[in-house]
Every structure is written in structure tokens, then in C-alpha cells.
Protein backbone atom coordinates (compact mmCIF):
# COMPACT_ATOMS: atom_id res chain seq x y z
CA UNK A 1 -10.78 27.13 -8.53
CA UNK A 2 -11.43 24.38 -11.09
CA UNK A 3 -11.69 20.75 -10.02
CA UNK A 4 -8.50 19.81 -11.91
CA UNK A 5 -6.65 22.65 -10.17
CA UNK A 6 -7.81 21.21 -6.86
CA UNK A 7 -6.09 17.88 -7.58
CA UNK A 8 -2.89 19.71 -8.55
CA UNK A 9 -3.06 21.63 -5.29
CA UNK A 10 -3.46 18.38 -3.35
CA UNK A 11 -0.44 16.95 -5.13
CA UNK A 12 1.89 19.93 -4.71
CA UNK A 13 0.80 21.01 -1.23
CA UNK A 14 3.63 18.97 0.41
CA UNK A 15 6.21 20.87 -1.67
CA UNK A 16 4.64 24.13 -0.53
CA UNK A 17 4.94 22.77 2.99
CA UNK A 18 8.67 22.17 2.52
CA UNK A 19 9.05 25.76 1.32
CA UNK A 20 7.24 27.06 4.39
CA UNK A 21 9.33 24.87 6.70
CA UNK A 22 12.46 26.55 5.35
CA UNK A 23 11.19 29.83 6.79
CA UNK A 24 10.84 28.39 10.30
CA UNK A 25 13.91 28.85 12.57
CA UNK A 26 15.65 25.57 13.44
CA UNK A 27 15.24 26.27 17.18
CA UNK A 28 11.43 26.31 16.92
CA UNK A 29 10.58 22.59 16.65
CA UNK A 30 7.08 23.07 18.03
CA UNK A 31 6.28 25.58 15.28
CA UNK A 32 7.65 23.10 12.75
CA UNK A 33 5.41 20.33 14.07
CA UNK A 34 2.28 22.49 14.13
CA UNK A 35 2.92 23.88 10.65
CA UNK A 36 3.44 20.40 9.20
CA UNK A 37 0.30 19.09 10.87
CA UNK A 38 -1.73 22.06 9.60
CA UNK A 39 -0.57 21.52 6.01
CA UNK A 40 -1.40 17.82 6.21
CA UNK A 41 -4.87 18.58 7.57
CA UNK A 42 -5.47 21.02 4.71
CA UNK A 43 -4.37 18.36 2.23
CA UNK A 44 -6.76 15.88 3.83
CA UNK A 45 -9.64 18.35 3.68
CA UNK A 46 -9.03 19.04 -0.02
CA UNK A 47 -8.73 15.31 -0.76
CA UNK A 48 -11.96 14.62 1.10
CA UNK A 49 -13.64 17.27 -1.07
CA UNK A 50 -12.33 15.52 -4.20
CA UNK A 51 -13.57 12.17 -2.91
CA UNK A 52 -17.04 13.53 -2.18
CA UNK A 53 -17.25 15.05 -5.67
CA UNK A 54 -15.93 11.91 -7.38
CA UNK A 55 -18.69 10.37 -9.53
CA UNK A 56 -18.85 6.60 -9.41
CA UNK A 57 -20.90 6.53 -12.64
CA UNK A 58 -18.84 8.89 -14.80
CA UNK A 59 -16.56 7.01 -17.24
CA UNK A 60 -12.86 7.76 -17.58
CA UNK A 61 -10.67 10.13 -15.61
CA UNK A 62 -11.96 12.89 -13.36
CA UNK A 63 -10.19 16.07 -12.15
CA UNK A 64 -7.83 15.50 -15.09
CA UNK A 65 -4.86 17.69 -16.09
CA UNK A 66 -2.81 16.92 -19.20
CA UNK A 67 -0.01 19.16 -20.40
CA UNK A 68 2.55 18.13 -23.01
CA UNK A 69 5.91 18.00 -21.28
CA UNK A 70 8.58 16.38 -23.53
CA UNK A 71 7.19 16.40 -27.05
CA UNK A 72 9.94 14.27 -28.65
CA UNK A 73 9.35 11.42 -26.17
CA UNK A 74 5.59 11.73 -26.03
CA UNK A 75 5.72 12.50 -22.30
CA UNK A 76 2.96 14.54 -20.63
CA UNK A 77 2.30 15.85 -17.18
CA UNK A 78 -0.91 13.87 -16.93
CA UNK A 79 -2.74 13.30 -13.67
CA UNK A 80 -6.30 12.36 -12.76
CA UNK A 81 -8.52 10.30 -10.50
CA UNK A 82 -10.37 7.12 -11.36
CA UNK A 83 -11.83 4.21 -9.42
CA UNK A 84 -8.36 2.68 -9.23
CA UNK A 85 -6.68 5.43 -7.30
CA UNK A 86 -9.30 7.58 -5.61
CA UNK A 87 -9.42 5.43 -2.44
CA UNK A 88 -5.62 5.18 -2.26
CA UNK A 89 -5.23 8.95 -2.62
CA UNK A 90 -7.73 9.42 0.22
CA UNK A 91 -5.86 6.84 2.32
CA UNK A 92 -2.55 8.65 1.73
CA UNK A 93 -4.01 12.00 2.73
CA UNK A 94 -5.81 10.47 5.72
CA UNK A 95 -2.67 8.92 7.19
CA UNK A 96 -0.54 12.05 6.65
CA UNK A 97 -1.75 14.04 9.70
CA UNK A 98 -1.67 10.91 11.88
CA UNK A 99 1.96 10.20 10.93
CA UNK A 100 2.92 13.78 11.74
CA UNK A 101 1.03 13.90 15.04
CA UNK A 102 2.35 10.47 16.02
CA UNK A 103 5.95 11.68 15.71
CA UNK A 104 5.52 14.76 17.92
CA UNK A 105 7.20 13.23 20.98
CA UNK A 106 9.31 10.55 19.28
CA UNK A 107 11.37 12.81 16.99
CA UNK A 108 13.55 15.29 18.83
CA UNK A 109 16.58 15.37 16.50
CA UNK A 110 16.66 17.37 13.25
CA UNK A 111 12.94 18.01 13.49
CA UNK A 112 12.72 20.28 10.46
CA UNK A 113 14.59 17.84 8.21
CA UNK A 114 12.43 14.98 9.45
CA UNK A 115 9.15 16.67 8.55
CA UNK A 116 10.58 17.84 5.22
CA UNK A 117 11.25 14.17 4.40
CA UNK A 118 7.70 13.25 5.44
CA UNK A 119 6.38 15.96 3.09
CA UNK A 120 8.58 14.65 0.27
CA UNK A 121 7.38 11.07 0.72
CA UNK A 122 3.79 12.29 0.78
CA UNK A 123 4.37 14.14 -2.49
CA UNK A 124 5.98 11.08 -4.16
CA UNK A 125 3.32 8.63 -3.02
CA UNK A 126 0.48 10.93 -4.05
CA UNK A 127 2.15 11.51 -7.42
CA UNK A 128 2.58 7.78 -8.03
CA UNK A 129 -1.13 7.18 -7.51
CA UNK A 130 -2.47 10.07 -9.62
CA UNK A 131 -0.03 9.71 -12.56
CA UNK A 132 -1.56 8.69 -15.87
CA UNK A 133 1.73 8.76 -17.79
CA UNK A 134 4.29 5.99 -17.34
CA UNK A 135 7.28 8.35 -17.37
CA UNK A 136 5.68 10.52 -14.69
CA UNK A 137 4.73 7.41 -12.70
CA UNK A 138 8.35 6.23 -12.79
CA UNK A 139 9.68 9.60 -11.61
CA UNK A 140 7.35 9.65 -8.60
CA UNK A 141 8.05 5.95 -7.92
CA UNK A 142 11.79 6.66 -7.75
CA UNK A 143 11.42 9.96 -5.87
CA UNK A 144 10.07 8.05 -2.88
CA UNK A 145 13.39 6.21 -2.37
CA UNK A 146 15.48 9.18 -1.24
CA UNK A 147 13.34 10.45 1.66
CA UNK A 148 12.63 6.92 2.90
CA UNK A 149 16.37 6.15 2.75
CA UNK A 150 17.03 9.22 4.91
CA UNK A 151 14.14 8.53 7.30
CA UNK A 152 15.50 5.09 8.14
CA UNK A 153 19.17 6.06 7.87
CA UNK A 154 19.01 9.12 10.16
CA UNK A 155 16.20 8.38 12.62
CA UNK A 156 16.29 4.57 12.55
CA UNK A 157 17.56 1.97 15.03
CA UNK A 158 20.99 0.51 15.66
CA UNK A 159 21.13 -1.50 12.40
CA UNK A 160 19.64 1.29 10.30
CA UNK A 161 22.50 1.42 7.78
CA UNK A 162 22.16 -2.29 7.03
CA UNK A 163 18.39 -1.91 6.66
CA UNK A 164 18.63 1.14 4.38
CA UNK A 165 21.20 -0.49 2.09
CA UNK A 166 19.08 -3.62 1.82
CA UNK A 167 15.95 -1.57 1.15
CA UNK A 168 17.63 0.51 -1.55
CA UNK A 169 19.33 -2.47 -3.24
CA UNK A 170 16.07 -4.40 -3.51
CA UNK A 171 13.99 -1.49 -4.75
CA UNK A 172 16.70 -0.16 -7.08
CA UNK A 173 17.02 -3.60 -8.69
CA UNK A 174 13.29 -3.67 -9.31
CA UNK A 175 13.32 -0.10 -10.61
CA UNK A 176 16.04 -0.81 -13.17
CA UNK A 177 14.06 -3.74 -14.52
CA UNK A 178 10.93 -1.60 -14.75
CA UNK A 179 12.82 1.19 -16.52
CA UNK A 180 14.21 -1.23 -19.12
CA UNK A 181 10.76 -2.77 -19.67
CA UNK A 182 9.17 0.67 -19.86
CA UNK A 183 11.55 1.87 -22.59
CA UNK A 184 11.13 -1.31 -24.61
CA UNK A 185 7.34 -1.10 -24.28
CA UNK A 186 7.25 2.45 -25.63
CA UNK A 187 9.66 1.49 -28.42
CA UNK A 188 7.42 -1.48 -29.33
CA UNK A 189 4.35 0.75 -29.39
CA UNK A 190 6.13 3.10 -31.76
CA UNK A 191 7.17 0.21 -34.03
CA UNK A 192 3.67 -1.27 -34.24
CA UNK A 193 1.51 1.85 -34.32
CA UNK A 194 3.85 4.70 -35.23
CA UNK A 195 2.88 6.48 -31.98
CA UNK A 196 5.45 7.38 -29.34
CA UNK A 197 3.71 7.89 -26.03
CA UNK A 198 4.02 7.08 -22.34
CA UNK A 199 0.31 7.66 -21.69
CA UNK A 200 -1.36 4.70 -19.97
CA UNK A 201 -4.30 4.89 -22.37
CA UNK A 202 -2.00 4.59 -25.41
CA UNK A 203 0.09 1.81 -23.89
CA UNK A 204 -3.08 -0.21 -23.21
CA UNK A 205 -3.54 -0.41 -27.01
CA UNK A 206 -0.08 -1.88 -27.74
CA UNK A 207 -0.41 -5.24 -29.48
CA UNK A 208 2.66 -7.27 -28.65
CA UNK A 209 3.62 -10.90 -29.33
CA UNK A 210 3.25 -13.26 -26.40
CA UNK A 211 7.01 -13.68 -26.00
CA UNK A 212 7.51 -9.91 -25.74
CA UNK A 213 4.60 -9.58 -23.31
CA UNK A 214 6.08 -12.34 -21.17
CA UNK A 215 9.50 -10.69 -20.97
CA UNK A 216 8.09 -7.26 -20.20
CA UNK A 217 5.59 -8.55 -17.63
CA UNK A 218 8.41 -10.52 -16.00
CA UNK A 219 10.32 -7.27 -15.45
CA UNK A 220 7.24 -5.46 -14.11
CA UNK A 221 6.38 -8.41 -11.86
CA UNK A 222 9.83 -8.41 -10.24
CA UNK A 223 9.66 -4.66 -9.67
CA UNK A 224 6.15 -4.62 -8.21
CA UNK A 225 6.52 -7.92 -6.30
CA UNK A 226 9.53 -6.48 -4.43
CA UNK A 227 7.46 -3.48 -3.38
CA UNK A 228 4.37 -5.53 -2.31
CA UNK A 229 6.41 -7.60 -1.11
CA UNK A 230 5.68 -11.18 -2.21
CA UNK A 231 7.58 -14.25 -1.07
CA UNK A 232 10.50 -14.81 -1.85
CA UNK A 233 11.26 -11.10 -2.44
CA UNK A 234 10.11 -10.04 1.02
CA UNK A 235 13.29 -10.18 3.12
CA UNK A 236 13.95 -6.43 3.02
CA UNK A 237 10.62 -5.61 4.71
CA UNK A 238 11.14 -6.90 8.29
CA UNK A 239 14.56 -5.21 8.52
CA UNK A 240 13.18 -1.94 7.16
CA UNK A 241 10.26 -2.01 9.60
CA UNK A 242 12.38 -2.95 12.61
CA UNK A 243 14.95 -0.24 12.03
CA UNK A 244 12.63 2.51 10.77
CA UNK A 245 11.23 5.12 13.17
CA UNK A 246 7.52 4.73 13.88
CA UNK A 247 6.61 7.28 11.22
CA UNK A 248 8.64 5.34 8.65
CA UNK A 249 6.94 2.06 9.56
CA UNK A 250 3.50 3.68 9.35
CA UNK A 251 4.26 5.15 5.91
CA UNK A 252 5.73 1.84 4.71
CA UNK A 253 2.85 -0.32 5.87
CA UNK A 254 0.10 2.24 5.44
CA UNK A 255 0.77 3.42 1.90
CA UNK A 256 4.08 2.45 0.35
CA UNK A 257 3.39 -1.28 0.14
CA UNK A 258 0.19 -0.45 -1.74
CA UNK A 259 2.27 1.04 -4.53
CA UNK A 260 3.29 -2.50 -5.54
CA UNK A 261 -0.24 -3.90 -5.64
CA UNK A 262 -1.45 -0.70 -7.34
CA UNK A 263 1.28 -1.18 -9.96
CA UNK A 264 0.01 -4.68 -10.70
CA UNK A 265 -3.58 -3.42 -10.92
CA UNK A 266 -2.97 -0.32 -12.98
CA UNK A 267 -0.04 -1.39 -15.18
CA UNK A 268 1.39 -4.89 -14.91
CA UNK A 269 -1.63 -7.05 -15.64
CA UNK A 270 -3.65 -4.66 -17.90
CA UNK A 271 -0.67 -3.90 -20.15
CA UNK A 272 0.14 -7.56 -20.81
CA UNK A 273 -3.10 -9.57 -20.54
CA UNK A 274 -1.96 -12.60 -22.55
CA UNK A 275 1.24 -12.96 -20.54
CA UNK A 276 -0.79 -12.46 -17.35
CA UNK A 277 -2.74 -15.61 -18.15
CA UNK A 278 0.57 -17.45 -18.50
CA UNK A 279 1.84 -16.08 -15.17
CA UNK A 280 -1.42 -16.44 -13.25
CA UNK A 281 -0.95 -19.99 -11.83
CA UNK A 282 2.55 -19.14 -10.58
CA UNK A 283 1.51 -15.75 -9.18
CA UNK A 284 -1.59 -17.16 -7.49
CA UNK A 285 0.60 -19.83 -5.90
CA UNK A 286 3.03 -17.18 -4.66
CA UNK A 287 0.12 -15.12 -3.33
CA UNK A 288 -1.15 -18.07 -1.29
CA UNK A 289 2.39 -18.95 -0.18
CA UNK A 290 2.77 -15.34 0.98
CA UNK A 291 -0.50 -15.58 2.94
CA UNK A 292 0.52 -18.77 4.75
CA UNK A 293 4.28 -18.24 5.00
CA UNK A 294 3.90 -14.64 6.25
CA UNK A 295 1.38 -15.80 8.87
CA UNK A 296 3.62 -18.71 10.01
CA UNK A 297 6.61 -16.38 10.41
CA UNK A 298 4.49 -13.88 12.34
CA UNK A 299 3.46 -16.71 14.65
CA UNK A 300 7.03 -17.41 15.83
CA UNK A 301 8.35 -13.83 16.17
CA UNK A 302 9.10 -12.20 19.49
CA UNK A 303 9.97 -8.79 18.03
CA UNK A 304 6.64 -6.97 18.07
CA UNK A 305 7.49 -4.95 14.95
CA UNK A 306 8.38 -8.11 13.05
CA UNK A 307 5.02 -9.66 13.96
CA UNK A 308 3.21 -6.81 12.20
CA UNK A 309 5.72 -6.77 9.34
CA UNK A 310 5.21 -10.46 8.54
CA UNK A 311 1.45 -10.09 8.98
CA UNK A 312 1.59 -7.41 6.28
CA UNK A 313 3.11 -9.94 3.86
CA UNK A 314 0.22 -12.26 4.64
CA UNK A 315 -2.48 -9.61 4.26
CA UNK A 316 -1.09 -8.31 0.98
CA UNK A 317 -1.14 -11.88 -0.33
CA UNK A 318 -4.93 -11.59 -0.17
CA UNK A 319 -4.77 -8.45 -2.30
CA UNK A 320 -2.81 -10.31 -4.97
CA UNK A 321 -5.22 -13.24 -4.81
CA UNK A 322 -8.18 -10.91 -5.34
CA UNK A 323 -6.56 -9.18 -8.31
CA UNK A 324 -5.63 -12.50 -9.94
CA UNK A 325 -9.13 -13.94 -9.46
CA UNK A 326 -10.38 -11.55 -12.19
CA UNK A 327 -13.77 -11.66 -10.49
CA UNK A 328 -15.45 -8.28 -9.88
CA UNK A 329 -16.14 -9.07 -6.22
CA UNK A 330 -12.59 -10.34 -5.72
CA UNK A 331 -11.07 -7.26 -7.38
CA UNK A 332 -13.21 -4.91 -5.27
CA UNK A 333 -12.20 -6.92 -2.21
CA UNK A 334 -8.54 -6.44 -3.15
CA UNK A 335 -8.99 -2.67 -3.35
CA UNK A 336 -10.81 -2.54 0.00
CA UNK A 337 -8.22 -4.87 1.53
CA UNK A 338 -5.49 -2.42 0.47
CA UNK A 339 -7.24 0.43 2.29
CA UNK A 340 -8.08 -1.72 5.30
CA UNK A 341 -4.53 -2.94 5.70
CA UNK A 342 -3.33 0.66 5.41
CA UNK A 343 -5.55 1.68 8.33
CA UNK A 344 -5.01 -1.33 10.60
CA UNK A 345 -1.27 -1.80 10.07
CA UNK A 346 -0.72 1.94 10.49
CA UNK A 347 -2.63 1.83 13.78
CA UNK A 348 -0.69 -1.16 15.08
CA UNK A 349 2.67 0.36 14.18
CA UNK A 350 1.65 3.60 15.89
CA UNK A 351 0.73 1.61 19.01
CA UNK A 352 4.06 -0.23 18.92
CA UNK A 353 5.79 3.15 18.70
CA UNK A 354 3.80 4.46 21.67
CA UNK A 355 4.68 1.51 23.90
CA UNK A 356 8.31 1.58 22.73
CA UNK A 357 8.56 5.22 23.86
CA UNK A 358 7.51 4.05 27.33
CA UNK A 359 9.38 0.73 27.68
CA UNK A 360 12.23 0.95 25.13
CA UNK A 361 11.98 -2.68 24.08
CA UNK A 362 10.36 -4.57 21.20
CA UNK A 363 10.74 -7.99 22.82
CA UNK A 364 7.31 -9.56 23.32
CA UNK A 365 8.66 -11.67 26.21
CA UNK A 366 9.48 -8.48 28.12
CA UNK A 367 5.83 -7.43 28.15
CA UNK A 368 2.78 -8.58 30.08
CA UNK A 369 0.00 -7.19 32.21
CA UNK A 370 -0.58 -4.09 30.10
CA UNK A 371 -4.35 -4.61 30.32
CA UNK A 372 -4.14 -3.69 34.01
CA UNK A 373 -1.45 -1.03 33.69
CA UNK A 374 -2.70 0.69 30.52
CA UNK A 375 -6.45 0.04 30.14
CA UNK A 376 -7.12 2.64 27.44
CA UNK A 377 -4.10 1.53 25.43
CA UNK A 378 -5.26 -2.08 25.76
CA UNK A 379 -8.76 -1.34 24.46
CA UNK A 380 -7.41 0.34 21.33
CA UNK A 381 -4.89 -2.47 20.86
CA UNK A 382 -7.56 -5.17 21.05
CA UNK A 383 -9.82 -3.33 18.60
CA UNK A 384 -7.03 -3.06 16.03
CA UNK A 385 -5.95 -6.65 16.68
CA UNK A 386 -9.47 -7.91 16.02
CA UNK A 387 -9.67 -5.76 12.88
CA UNK A 388 -6.42 -7.34 11.72
CA UNK A 389 -7.82 -10.86 12.11
CA UNK A 390 -10.98 -9.89 10.24
CA UNK A 391 -13.62 -9.49 12.95
CA UNK A 392 -17.03 -8.83 11.33
CA UNK A 393 -17.98 -5.12 11.32
CA UNK A 394 -14.35 -4.12 10.81
CA UNK A 395 -12.66 -3.24 7.52
CA UNK A 396 -10.45 -6.33 7.71
CA UNK A 397 -13.47 -8.60 7.50
CA UNK A 398 -14.93 -6.78 4.49
CA UNK A 399 -11.71 -6.94 2.48
CA UNK A 400 -10.79 -10.56 3.20
CA UNK A 401 -14.36 -11.83 2.85
CA UNK A 402 -14.77 -10.25 -0.59
CA UNK A 403 -11.38 -11.52 -1.76
CA UNK A 404 -12.12 -15.09 -0.70
CA UNK A 405 -15.64 -14.93 -2.13
CA UNK A 406 -14.26 -13.71 -5.45
CA UNK A 407 -11.52 -16.35 -5.46
CA UNK A 408 -14.05 -19.17 -4.90
CA UNK A 409 -16.47 -17.71 -7.48
CA UNK A 410 -13.72 -17.65 -10.08
CA UNK A 411 -12.33 -21.08 -9.16
CA UNK A 412 -15.60 -23.04 -9.10
CA UNK A 413 -16.34 -23.03 -12.89
CA UNK A 414 -12.74 -24.10 -13.52
CA UNK A 415 -13.16 -26.94 -11.03
CA UNK A 416 -16.34 -28.06 -12.80
CA UNK A 417 -14.37 -28.14 -16.06
CA UNK A 418 -11.67 -30.32 -14.53
CA UNK A 419 -9.14 -27.75 -13.21
CA UNK A 420 -9.10 -28.08 -9.41
CA UNK A 421 -5.89 -26.09 -8.87
CA UNK A 422 -7.47 -22.60 -8.38
CA UNK A 423 -10.03 -24.07 -5.96
CA UNK A 424 -7.26 -25.74 -3.93
CA UNK A 425 -5.41 -22.41 -3.75
CA UNK A 426 -8.56 -20.60 -2.63
CA UNK A 427 -9.12 -23.23 0.06
CA UNK A 428 -5.52 -22.93 1.26
CA UNK A 429 -5.91 -19.15 1.44
CA UNK A 430 -8.63 -19.63 4.07
CA UNK A 431 -6.03 -21.15 6.40
CA UNK A 432 -4.40 -17.71 6.49
CA UNK A 433 -7.46 -16.42 8.37
CA UNK A 434 -6.98 -19.10 11.04
CA UNK A 435 -3.23 -18.49 11.26
CA UNK A 436 -3.88 -14.76 11.44
CA UNK A 437 -6.12 -15.24 14.44
CA UNK A 438 -3.45 -17.40 16.11
CA UNK A 439 -0.52 -15.01 15.73
CA UNK A 440 -2.49 -11.90 16.63
CA UNK A 441 -4.08 -13.52 19.69
CA UNK A 442 -0.65 -14.80 20.78
CA UNK A 443 0.57 -11.22 20.35
CA UNK A 444 -2.33 -9.79 22.35
CA UNK A 445 -2.09 -12.39 25.15
CA UNK A 446 1.63 -11.85 25.58
CA UNK A 447 1.19 -8.13 25.50
CA UNK A 448 -1.86 -7.50 27.64
CA UNK A 449 -2.13 -10.38 30.10
CA UNK A 450 0.07 -12.42 32.39
CA UNK A 451 2.51 -11.00 34.91
CA UNK A 452 3.54 -7.37 34.57
CA UNK A 453 7.28 -7.03 33.91
CA UNK A 454 9.48 -4.81 36.07
CA UNK A 455 10.70 -2.37 33.35
CA UNK A 456 7.13 -1.21 32.82
CA UNK A 457 6.76 0.47 36.19
CA UNK A 458 5.49 3.14 36.36
CA UNK A 459 3.67 3.59 33.06
CA UNK A 460 1.38 6.35 31.92
CA UNK A 461 -1.63 5.51 29.80
CA UNK A 462 -2.32 7.18 26.46
CA UNK A 463 -2.18 10.96 26.29
CA UNK A 464 -4.96 13.01 24.74
CA UNK A 465 -2.97 13.32 21.50
CA UNK A 466 -2.44 9.58 21.30
CA UNK A 467 -6.10 8.85 22.05
CA UNK A 468 -7.18 11.25 19.31
CA UNK A 469 -4.85 9.60 16.75
CA UNK A 470 -6.03 6.08 17.55
CA UNK A 471 -9.67 7.13 17.94
CA UNK A 472 -9.70 8.56 14.40
CA UNK A 473 -8.14 5.36 13.05
CA UNK A 474 -10.62 3.13 14.84
CA UNK A 475 -13.55 5.18 13.55
CA UNK A 476 -12.21 4.76 10.00
CA UNK A 477 -11.79 0.99 10.50
CA UNK A 478 -15.41 0.59 11.60
CA UNK A 479 -16.72 3.04 9.00
CA UNK A 480 -15.18 0.99 6.19
CA UNK A 481 -16.33 -2.25 7.80
CA UNK A 482 -19.92 -1.22 8.47
CA UNK A 483 -20.50 1.07 5.49
CA UNK A 484 -18.41 -0.20 2.58
CA UNK A 485 -20.99 0.97 -0.01
CA UNK A 486 -19.16 4.15 -0.94
CA UNK A 487 -15.85 2.34 -1.44
CA UNK A 488 -17.53 -0.43 -3.42
CA UNK A 489 -19.44 2.01 -5.64
CA UNK A 490 -16.31 3.95 -6.47
CA UNK A 491 -14.25 0.81 -7.08
CA UNK A 492 -16.86 -1.07 -9.15
CA UNK A 493 -16.17 0.81 -12.37
CA UNK A 494 -12.42 0.37 -11.92
CA UNK A 495 -12.86 -3.34 -11.24
CA UNK A 496 -14.84 -3.76 -14.48
CA UNK A 497 -12.24 -1.81 -16.48
CA UNK A 498 -9.45 -3.91 -14.97
CA UNK A 499 -11.32 -7.14 -15.69
CA UNK A 500 -11.94 -6.10 -19.30
CA UNK A 501 -8.33 -5.03 -19.88
CA UNK A 502 -6.88 -8.24 -18.46
CA UNK A 503 -9.30 -10.58 -20.23
CA UNK A 504 -9.01 -8.93 -23.67
CA UNK A 505 -6.20 -10.38 -25.78
CA UNK A 506 -3.55 -7.89 -26.86
CA UNK A 507 -1.78 -10.18 -29.33
CA UNK A 508 -1.11 -8.95 -32.87
CA UNK A 509 -3.99 -9.78 -35.20
CA UNK A 510 -2.08 -12.58 -36.95
CA UNK A 511 -1.12 -14.31 -33.71
CA UNK A 512 -4.68 -14.13 -32.38
CA UNK A 513 -5.99 -15.63 -35.61
CA UNK A 514 -3.57 -18.52 -35.21
CA UNK A 515 -5.19 -19.33 -31.90
CA UNK A 516 -2.38 -18.22 -29.67
CA UNK A 517 -3.38 -17.73 -26.04
């Protein structure tokens, strides 16, 4: 099998899984679970093979497939791996089996439909990351909405309908804006170059006036900022997390939120570099506001799911800060921070799901004394908590440290030249680390220590399945924290390409000659 065929197999394996699920009788839920887990493990193994054979020094796309699809529109089925997406594809495949195994005991209703929706989300997320054609990217981006809507709407909590409607309204609004901007971008490319194409590589060459770039980037920013989410477009996230089943929360925090930051990195900023420079002060400010505001809100929550949800807003603010720094170290830090947050937030949401299955409450005040009652659970919880606050040797430390280092490196020359604003923002971003330690330690103290509450008696500690799930996650957190070389090597080329695309003016020749920004 060729290497490009291997990537296609990784992409379409979830659809094959749905086909196989249809052959399983509805009264055999255990067979359904084992089949889904097996397919996810196979997908992970194939993705790991792709990652190991990915060359950090080879330029351009690898494992590429390009087939003309709609000739009149210039649309191709075009997929491939580069330094931008290879880590996110691995993260998606890595979390798949853990999501499936984590739902074994929690999902007892419509088991076959549930795992079919998990397969469909996996397919859409994987497709979004590997797409190299804007039309294809948009199809996968939209395809994710339906299964997530059903996951929350069918297996969610008491206010699941409210949460699903809010989630769909927000994301649909952003999608419509992106669709309009996408069509106008392709039309503009055709007008200026005579080429009609949705290929990323062709769109990167479009030379548009600053006003047009600003309008189009504005539409992309709203679409991607909703998905990140950035303040003030974040209000759908806590409701979605609170009402979603554990698997839905893990998928949301682990992978889906990365689609927004990936969109900025792959499309938004590189397509419109001149407008990006105009937007940068406002976006950097919003990134730092997200870091601090998300952390402050996490600090005052008593719903344990909301604590992690708001902490996600804060952590993803660091990703945006790293991308906007345009420093190689900061950009690499942003990519590693995406993966780290995917691992740590997924682990914490899985742990919340495990304790909810035992105690049936998300109220932090109702907990206490778990360190004595559930020692194994408590050890895993503390490890993931410390990774979330950026303890050295964990992935959280590597990502945040590189982002802040890159932000200061980029801000210092501007400060020397009289612009102190970026340096002030970088300094304010550091306060997020302190606030992060405060809200996570408050969470851990309320959870693990103090007086044990009555509803917790008797409690069983983690099962073998749960220990295996969390053990694998913890190993990954330390592996990325202690040995980030592989991730940094693979992301270095992508960071340089991103930096070059965003710092190279894309104005028409006449406008550039007139000294426009």
C-alpha cells in the first residue's frame, strides 16, 4: 500500500466502522463497544506509522492525494500532511480509543447510534485537519456539527436542548460568514489571476487590496474565534460542556476547539497577512483577555465541568498569543500547547465523568476527602491538575513556556523602538499562569481534601479499564513534556512557513509600491 493510500485509509476508517456497526445486532452492545474500540486502535496504529514516517526536513506536503473533483469550480479532493497538521492528526487518533473506552459504562442507551456518531465526528475532525482544499475543508468543518448536535441532544444532561441550540446557532453563524468570505476570496482570485481554485496553495498567492483583506479576515476571524472560543464569543462553551456526555466533552476539549486555532494558523492569518497586521493588536488583546478572564471565571465556579471549560478558554488564549507573536519559538509553543491542552483537558473531563458516574453531582461543594476514599483516582487527578498549571516536566509547561518566551522575544524589539504595548500584553499573560495555579489548586483542595461528604459512601476506586485510560494519558503528558524534540522538529518547518506567509505582503503591486501596509 502506498503512503498516500495509508492517509486515505486513516481518514475513511471511521466510515468503514459505521458500516460494520450496521451489521451488529442492536441487542449486542458489548460487541458494538469492542468493535468500535478495535477500529479506533487500528486507526491510531496507522496514524502512528504515518507520524513515524513523516520527514521533518522534507518540504511541502507528504502522503499527498489530489484528485480533481468539480472541474468547473476548481475543487479537488486534496489531502496531505505537513508540519501544521501532523501533530493534530496524531492527537485526534490518540484520543479516539480513549473516548470510546471511557464511554463503556456511561452510555447504556442507543449504544450503536452513539458510537456511530463518535465515528462520524472522528471522520469530520480528521478530514478538517488533512484537507488542503478550502471547499473540502468547509465540508468537513460543517460535517462535524450534526454528530455533535446529536451527541449532546440525545445523551446530554437536563438542559441539553438549550445547549445544543446555542452551540449550533453560534457555530452556524460563524460558518455562514466563512462560506461568504470563502466564495468572495475564490472570486477575487479568479478576477486577479484568471485562476479559479479552492486549493490552499493557490489562495495563498491571491493579491488583494487591504480593504478586501480586512473584510474577508474579519469573517474568518469571527468563524474561527467562535470555535476556539475567544472572549466575548465563548458563552456557548460552558453550556455545551456541562450538558454534553463525557465523551462529548472530551471530543470538544481534546480536538474540536483546536479546529479554531488550526483555522487561524492554516488559513486566516496566512491568507490575509496585511489585514492580520491591522488586526494583531486587537486580537492579541483579546487573547490576553481570554487568558485572564477565563482563569478568573474558573476561579469562582463550583460546577466542576465549568471549571475545566473556563480553563480551556484561558489555555487556548495562550495558543492565540503564540500564533500572533510571529516568533518561531512562540508559534511552535502554540502548536505544542494545542496538543498539550488536548491531552490534559481530555484527561480531566474523563476524570470528571468517572466521579460523576459514582456520585451523580458536579457540585464542587458536595465533594471532599476523595484522597482518602479514592487514592488511585486522586493520584491521577493531581498529576493532570499539575500538568494543567504547567508543572515542569509536563506538556503544559513546555507549551506555555515556549509561548511566553516567543511573546517576550517578539515584544522586546518593539519596546526598544518605543512600542510598549506588546510587552505589556506579554507581561499580563504571565498572570494567567498564577491564576491557573489558584483555580486548579482550589479545585484539587475542594475535591481531594477536607471532610468526606455523605453521598460518596461507599465509593469504589478506579477500575482496571479506567486506570489504563488515565495511565496512557499521563504517559503522553510526560512524554511530550520531557521529550518535546520530535514535536518541535516536525513543527519547526510549519512555523517557518507560517511566519513567512504572514509577514509577506499580499497587496497588489501598485498598492505595495505606494507604501501601503
